[in-house]
All heavy atoms as atom14 arrays in JSON, in Angstrom:
{
  "sequence": "EPESEFVIKIQDINDNEPKFLDGPYTAGVPE",
  "atom14_mask": [
    [1, 1, 1, 1, 1, 1, 1, 1, 1, 0, 0, 0, 0, 0],
    [1, 1, 1, 1, 1, 1, 1, 0, 0, 0, 0, 0, 0, 0],
    [1, 1, 1, 1, 1, 1, 1, 1, 1, 0, 0, 0, 0, 0],
    [1, 1, 1, 1, 1, 1, 0, 0, 0, 0, 0, 0, 0, 0],
    [1, 1, 1, 1, 1, 1, 1, 1, 1, 0, 0, 0, 0, 0],
    [1, 1, 1, 1, 1, 1, 1, 1, 1, 1, 1, 0, 0, 0],
    [1, 1, 1, 1, 1, 1, 1, 0, 0, 0, 0, 0, 0, 0],
    [1, 1, 1, 1, 1, 1, 1, 1, 0, 0, 0, 0, 0, 0],
    [1, 1, 1, 1, 1, 1, 1, 1, 1, 0, 0, 0, 0, 0],
    [1, 1, 1, 1, 1, 1, 1, 1, 0, 0, 0, 0, 0, 0],
    [1, 1, 1, 1, 1, 1, 1, 1, 1, 0, 0, 0, 0, 0],
    [1, 1, 1, 1, 1, 1, 1, 1, 0, 0, 0, 0, 0, 0],
    [1, 1, 1, 1, 1, 1, 1, 1, 0, 0, 0, 0, 0, 0],
    [1, 1, 1, 1, 1, 1, 1, 1, 0, 0, 0, 0, 0, 0],
    [1, 1, 1, 1, 1, 1, 1, 1, 0, 0, 0, 0, 0, 0],
    [1, 1, 1, 1, 1, 1, 1, 1, 0, 0, 0, 0, 0, 0],
    [1, 1, 1, 1, 1, 1, 1, 1, 1, 0, 0, 0, 0, 0],
    [1, 1, 1, 1, 1, 1, 1, 0, 0, 0, 0, 0, 0, 0],
    [1, 1, 1, 1, 1, 1, 1, 1, 1, 0, 0, 0, 0, 0],
    [1, 1, 1, 1, 1, 1, 1, 1, 1, 1, 1, 0, 0, 0],
    [1, 1, 1, 1, 1, 1, 1, 1, 0, 0, 0, 0, 0, 0],
    [1, 1, 1, 1, 1, 1, 1, 1, 0, 0, 0, 0, 0, 0],
    [1, 1, 1, 1, 0, 0, 0, 0, 0, 0, 0, 0, 0, 0],
    [1, 1, 1, 1, 1, 1, 1, 0, 0, 0, 0, 0, 0, 0],
    [1, 1, 1, 1, 1, 1, 1, 1, 1, 1, 1, 1, 0, 0],
    [1, 1, 1, 1, 1, 1, 1, 0, 0, 0, 0, 0, 0, 0],
    [1, 1, 1, 1, 1, 0, 0, 0, 0, 0, 0, 0, 0, 0],
    [1, 1, 1, 1, 0, 0, 0, 0, 0, 0, 0, 0, 0, 0],
    [1, 1, 1, 1, 1, 1, 1, 0, 0, 0, 0, 0, 0, 0],
    [1, 1, 1, 1, 1, 1, 1, 0, 0, 0, 0, 0, 0, 0],
    [1, 1, 1, 1, 1, 1, 1, 1, 1, 0, 0, 0, 0, 0]
  ],
  "atom14_positions": [
    [[-28.34, -25.18, -71.61], [-27.71, -25.67, -70.38], [-26.86, -24.54, -69.82], [-26.51, -23.61, -70.54], [-26.77, -26.85, -70.69], [-27.48, -28.14, -71.03], [-26.52, -29.32, -71.09], [-25.51, -29.3, -70.36], [-26.78, -30.23, -71.86], [0.0, 0.0, 0.0], [0.0, 0.0, 0.0], [0.0, 0.0, 0.0], [0.0, 0.0, 0.0], [0.0, 0.0, 0.0]],
    [[-26.53, -24.61, -68.51], [-25.62, -23.59, -67.96], [-24.26, -23.65, -68.65], [-23.83, -24.72, -69.09], [-25.49, -23.96, -66.49], [-26.62, -24.9, -66.21], [-26.96, -25.57, -67.51], [0.0, 0.0, 0.0], [0.0, 0.0, 0.0], [0.0, 0.0, 0.0], [0.0, 0.0, 0.0], [0.0, 0.0, 0.0], [0.0, 0.0, 0.0], [0.0, 0.0, 0.0]],
    [[-23.61, -22.5, -68.72], [-22.25, -22.45, -69.29], [-21.34, -23.31, -68.43], [-21.46, -23.35, -67.21], [-21.79, -20.99, -69.27], [-20.44, -20.77, -69.92], [-20.05, -19.31, -69.92], [-19.67, -18.8, -68.86], [-20.14, -18.68, -70.98], [0.0, 0.0, 0.0], [0.0, 0.0, 0.0], [0.0, 0.0, 0.0], [0.0, 0.0, 0.0], [0.0, 0.0, 0.0]],
    [[-20.4, -24.02, -69.05], [-19.46, -24.83, -68.29], [-18.03, -24.41, -68.6], [-17.74, -23.93, -69.7], [-19.65, -26.32, -68.58], [-19.42, -26.59, -69.93], [0.0, 0.0, 0.0], [0.0, 0.0, 0.0], [0.0, 0.0, 0.0], [0.0, 0.0, 0.0], [0.0, 0.0, 0.0], [0.0, 0.0, 0.0], [0.0, 0.0, 0.0], [0.0, 0.0, 0.0]],
    [[-17.16, -24.56, -67.61], [-15.76, -24.18, -67.76], [-14.92, -25.45, -67.77], [-15.21, -26.4, -67.06], [-15.35, -23.29, -66.58], [-13.97, -22.69, -66.73], [-13.65, -21.71, -65.62], [-13.96, -20.52, -65.77], [-13.09, -22.15, -64.6], [0.0, 0.0, 0.0], [0.0, 0.0, 0.0], [0.0, 0.0, 0.0], [0.0, 0.0, 0.0], [0.0, 0.0, 0.0]],
    [[-13.9, -25.47, -68.6], [-12.98, -26.62, -68.61], [-11.58, -26.14, -68.92], [-11.37, -25.03, -69.41], [-13.45, -27.69, -69.6], [-13.49, -27.27, -71.03], [-12.46, -27.59, -71.89], [-14.56, -26.56, -71.53], [-12.48, -27.21, -73.22], [-14.61, -26.18, -72.86], [-13.57, -26.5, -73.7], [0.0, 0.0, 0.0], [0.0, 0.0, 0.0], [0.0, 0.0, 0.0]],
    [[-10.62, -26.99, -68.59], [-9.2, -26.66, -68.76], [-8.59, -27.62, -69.76], [-8.79, -28.83, -69.67], [-8.46, -26.75, -67.41], [-6.96, -26.56, -67.6], [-9.0, -25.72, -66.44], [0.0, 0.0, 0.0], [0.0, 0.0, 0.0], [0.0, 0.0, 0.0], [0.0, 0.0, 0.0], [0.0, 0.0, 0.0], [0.0, 0.0, 0.0], [0.0, 0.0, 0.0]],
    [[-7.85, -27.07, -70.72], [-7.06, -27.9, -71.63], [-5.61, -27.8, -71.15], [-5.03, -26.72, -71.13], [-7.18, -27.42, -73.09], [-8.63, -27.58, -73.56], [-6.23, -28.2, -73.99], [-8.89, -27.07, -74.95], [0.0, 0.0, 0.0], [0.0, 0.0, 0.0], [0.0, 0.0, 0.0], [0.0, 0.0, 0.0], [0.0, 0.0, 0.0], [0.0, 0.0, 0.0]],
    [[-5.08, -28.95, -70.72], [-3.71, -28.99, -70.2], [-2.79, -29.41, -71.32], [-3.09, -30.32, -72.08], [-3.64, -29.99, -69.04], [-2.29, -30.03, -68.37], [-2.3, -30.92, -67.14], [-1.02, -30.77, -66.38], [-0.12, -31.9, -66.5], [0.0, 0.0, 0.0], [0.0, 0.0, 0.0], [0.0, 0.0, 0.0], [0.0, 0.0, 0.0], [0.0, 0.0, 0.0]],
    [[-1.66, -28.73, -71.44], [-0.68, -29.05, -72.46], [0.29, -30.07, -71.88], [0.96, -29.81, -70.89], [0.09, -27.79, -72.94], [-0.89, -26.65, -73.28], [0.98, -28.14, -74.14], [-1.98, -26.99, -74.26], [0.0, 0.0, 0.0], [0.0, 0.0, 0.0], [0.0, 0.0, 0.0], [0.0, 0.0, 0.0], [0.0, 0.0, 0.0], [0.0, 0.0, 0.0]],
    [[0.33, -31.23, -72.5], [1.16, -32.33, -72.0], [2.59, -32.18, -72.5], [2.83, -31.94, -73.68], [0.57, -33.66, -72.47], [1.25, -34.87, -71.87], [0.56, -36.15, -72.32], [-0.66, -36.21, -72.42], [1.34, -37.16, -72.61], [0.0, 0.0, 0.0], [0.0, 0.0, 0.0], [0.0, 0.0, 0.0], [0.0, 0.0, 0.0], [0.0, 0.0, 0.0]],
    [[3.53, -32.33, -71.59], [4.94, -32.08, -71.87], [5.56, -33.15, -72.76], [5.22, -34.32, -72.65], [5.7, -32.02, -70.53], [7.07, -31.42, -70.68], [7.28, -30.59, -71.58], [7.96, -31.79, -69.89], [0.0, 0.0, 0.0], [0.0, 0.0, 0.0], [0.0, 0.0, 0.0], [0.0, 0.0, 0.0], [0.0, 0.0, 0.0], [0.0, 0.0, 0.0]],
    [[6.48, -32.73, -73.62], [7.4, -33.65, -74.28], [8.81, -33.2, -73.91], [9.01, -32.1, -73.41], [7.21, -33.67, -75.82], [7.55, -32.31, -76.42], [5.83, -34.14, -76.2], [7.66, -32.31, -77.94], [0.0, 0.0, 0.0], [0.0, 0.0, 0.0], [0.0, 0.0, 0.0], [0.0, 0.0, 0.0], [0.0, 0.0, 0.0], [0.0, 0.0, 0.0]],
    [[9.77, -34.05, -74.14], [11.16, -33.73, -73.77], [11.77, -32.86, -74.86], [12.52, -33.33, -75.71], [11.96, -35.02, -73.57], [13.29, -34.76, -72.9], [13.59, -33.64, -72.54], [14.08, -35.8, -72.74], [0.0, 0.0, 0.0], [0.0, 0.0, 0.0], [0.0, 0.0, 0.0], [0.0, 0.0, 0.0], [0.0, 0.0, 0.0], [0.0, 0.0, 0.0]],
    [[11.43, -31.56, -74.82], [11.9, -30.65, -75.87], [12.87, -29.59, -75.36], [13.16, -28.64, -76.06], [10.7, -29.99, -76.57], [9.84, -29.17, -75.63], [9.9, -29.38, -74.41], [9.11, -28.3, -76.12], [0.0, 0.0, 0.0], [0.0, 0.0, 0.0], [0.0, 0.0, 0.0], [0.0, 0.0, 0.0], [0.0, 0.0, 0.0], [0.0, 0.0, 0.0]],
    [[13.34, -29.75, -74.13], [14.33, -28.81, -73.58], [15.51, -29.59, -73.03], [15.34, -30.59, -72.34], [13.71, -27.99, -72.44], [12.7, -27.0, -72.96], [13.06, -25.97, -73.51], [11.43, -27.33, -72.83], [0.0, 0.0, 0.0], [0.0, 0.0, 0.0], [0.0, 0.0, 0.0], [0.0, 0.0, 0.0], [0.0, 0.0, 0.0], [0.0, 0.0, 0.0]],
    [[16.71, -29.12, -73.36], [17.9, -29.75, -72.83], [18.28, -29.07, -71.51], [17.96, -27.89, -71.32], [19.06, -29.7, -73.82], [19.68, -28.34, -74.02], [18.89, -27.41, -74.93], [17.91, -27.86, -75.55], [19.25, -26.22, -74.99], [0.0, 0.0, 0.0], [0.0, 0.0, 0.0], [0.0, 0.0, 0.0], [0.0, 0.0, 0.0], [0.0, 0.0, 0.0]],
    [[18.94, -29.81, -70.6], [19.39, -29.16, -69.36], [20.39, -28.06, -69.67], [21.16, -28.15, -70.63], [20.06, -30.3, -68.59], [19.53, -31.56, -69.19], [19.25, -31.23, -70.63], [0.0, 0.0, 0.0], [0.0, 0.0, 0.0], [0.0, 0.0, 0.0], [0.0, 0.0, 0.0], [0.0, 0.0, 0.0], [0.0, 0.0, 0.0], [0.0, 0.0, 0.0]],
    [[20.38, -27.02, -68.84], [21.3, -25.89, -69.04], [22.0, -25.57, -67.73], [21.4, -25.6, -66.66], [20.53, -24.66, -69.52], [20.0, -24.83, -70.92], [19.5, -23.51, -71.47], [19.34, -23.64, -72.95], [18.14, -23.39, -73.55], [0.0, 0.0, 0.0], [0.0, 0.0, 0.0], [0.0, 0.0, 0.0], [0.0, 0.0, 0.0], [0.0, 0.0, 0.0]],
    [[23.29, -25.25, -67.83], [24.08, -24.79, -66.69], [23.95, -23.27, -66.64], [24.71, -22.56, -67.29], [25.54, -25.2, -66.83], [25.78, -26.67, -66.64], [25.9, -27.52, -67.73], [25.86, -27.22, -65.37], [26.1, -28.87, -67.56], [26.07, -28.58, -65.19], [26.19, -29.42, -66.29], [0.0, 0.0, 0.0], [0.0, 0.0, 0.0], [0.0, 0.0, 0.0]],
    [[22.98, -22.78, -65.88], [22.72, -21.34, -65.85], [23.79, -20.56, -65.1], [23.99, -19.38, -65.34], [21.34, -21.08, -65.21], [20.15, -21.71, -65.94], [18.85, -21.43, -65.21], [20.06, -21.21, -67.38], [0.0, 0.0, 0.0], [0.0, 0.0, 0.0], [0.0, 0.0, 0.0], [0.0, 0.0, 0.0], [0.0, 0.0, 0.0], [0.0, 0.0, 0.0]],
    [[24.51, -21.22, -64.17], [25.54, -20.53, -63.39], [26.94, -20.72, -63.95], [27.9, -20.22, -63.38], [25.52, -21.03, -61.93], [24.2, -20.74, -61.25], [23.57, -19.73, -61.59], [23.78, -21.54, -60.4], [0.0, 0.0, 0.0], [0.0, 0.0, 0.0], [0.0, 0.0, 0.0], [0.0, 0.0, 0.0], [0.0, 0.0, 0.0], [0.0, 0.0, 0.0]],
    [[27.08, -21.43, -65.05], [28.41, -21.71, -65.6], [28.95, -20.53, -66.39], [28.24, -19.55, -66.6], [0.0, 0.0, 0.0], [0.0, 0.0, 0.0], [0.0, 0.0, 0.0], [0.0, 0.0, 0.0], [0.0, 0.0, 0.0], [0.0, 0.0, 0.0], [0.0, 0.0, 0.0], [0.0, 0.0, 0.0], [0.0, 0.0, 0.0], [0.0, 0.0, 0.0]],
    [[30.2, -20.54, -66.84], [31.11, -21.65, -66.6], [31.63, -21.67, -65.16], [31.73, -20.63, -64.51], [32.26, -21.39, -67.58], [32.22, -19.91, -67.81], [30.79, -19.5, -67.66], [0.0, 0.0, 0.0], [0.0, 0.0, 0.0], [0.0, 0.0, 0.0], [0.0, 0.0, 0.0], [0.0, 0.0, 0.0], [0.0, 0.0, 0.0], [0.0, 0.0, 0.0]],
    [[31.91, -22.87, -64.67], [32.38, -23.04, -63.29], [33.9, -23.04, -63.29], [34.54, -23.59, -64.17], [31.88, -24.37, -62.72], [30.39, -24.41, -62.51], [29.52, -24.79, -63.53], [29.84, -24.06, -61.29], [28.15, -24.83, -63.33], [28.46, -24.09, -61.09], [27.63, -24.48, -62.11], [26.28, -24.51, -61.91], [0.0, 0.0, 0.0], [0.0, 0.0, 0.0]],
    [[34.48, -22.41, -62.26], [35.92, -22.44, -62.06], [36.18, -22.91, -60.65], [35.54, -22.44, -59.7], [36.52, -21.02, -62.22], [36.14, -20.51, -63.51], [38.02, -21.05, -62.13], [0.0, 0.0, 0.0], [0.0, 0.0, 0.0], [0.0, 0.0, 0.0], [0.0, 0.0, 0.0], [0.0, 0.0, 0.0], [0.0, 0.0, 0.0], [0.0, 0.0, 0.0]],
    [[37.07, -23.87, -60.52], [37.38, -24.41, -59.18], [38.83, -24.82, -59.14], [39.46, -25.06, -60.17], [36.47, -25.6, -58.88], [0.0, 0.0, 0.0], [0.0, 0.0, 0.0], [0.0, 0.0, 0.0], [0.0, 0.0, 0.0], [0.0, 0.0, 0.0], [0.0, 0.0, 0.0], [0.0, 0.0, 0.0], [0.0, 0.0, 0.0], [0.0, 0.0, 0.0]],
    [[39.36, -24.89, -57.94], [40.73, -25.35, -57.74], [40.75, -26.44, -56.68], [39.84, -26.52, -55.86], [0.0, 0.0, 0.0], [0.0, 0.0, 0.0], [0.0, 0.0, 0.0], [0.0, 0.0, 0.0], [0.0, 0.0, 0.0], [0.0, 0.0, 0.0], [0.0, 0.0, 0.0], [0.0, 0.0, 0.0], [0.0, 0.0, 0.0], [0.0, 0.0, 0.0]],
    [[41.78, -27.25, -56.73], [41.94, -28.29, -55.71], [43.43, -28.36, -55.37], [44.28, -28.32, -56.27], [41.39, -29.66, -56.22], [42.12, -30.15, -57.43], [41.39, -30.7, -55.11], [0.0, 0.0, 0.0], [0.0, 0.0, 0.0], [0.0, 0.0, 0.0], [0.0, 0.0, 0.0], [0.0, 0.0, 0.0], [0.0, 0.0, 0.0], [0.0, 0.0, 0.0]],
    [[43.76, -28.38, -54.07], [45.19, -28.43, -53.7], [45.84, -29.72, -54.21], [45.2, -30.77, -54.22], [45.15, -28.41, -52.16], [43.79, -27.92, -51.79], [42.88, -28.32, -52.91], [0.0, 0.0, 0.0], [0.0, 0.0, 0.0], [0.0, 0.0, 0.0], [0.0, 0.0, 0.0], [0.0, 0.0, 0.0], [0.0, 0.0, 0.0], [0.0, 0.0, 0.0]],
    [[47.1, -29.61, -54.62], [47.79, -30.83, -55.06], [47.91, -31.79, -53.89], [47.85, -31.4, -52.73], [49.17, -30.49, -55.64], [50.16, -29.92, -54.64], [51.52, -29.68, -55.29], [51.87, -30.38, -56.24], [52.22, -28.77, -54.82], [0.0, 0.0, 0.0], [0.0, 0.0, 0.0], [0.0, 0.0, 0.0], [0.0, 0.0, 0.0], [0.0, 0.0, 0.0]]
  ]
}
């Protein structure tokens, strides 16, 4: 038969925690 192409997709699991890439944050607020 002719050669055939197929894709194996890797299904995600929740294996990464959210990250604050721009932290630490510093802010001020007037009294």
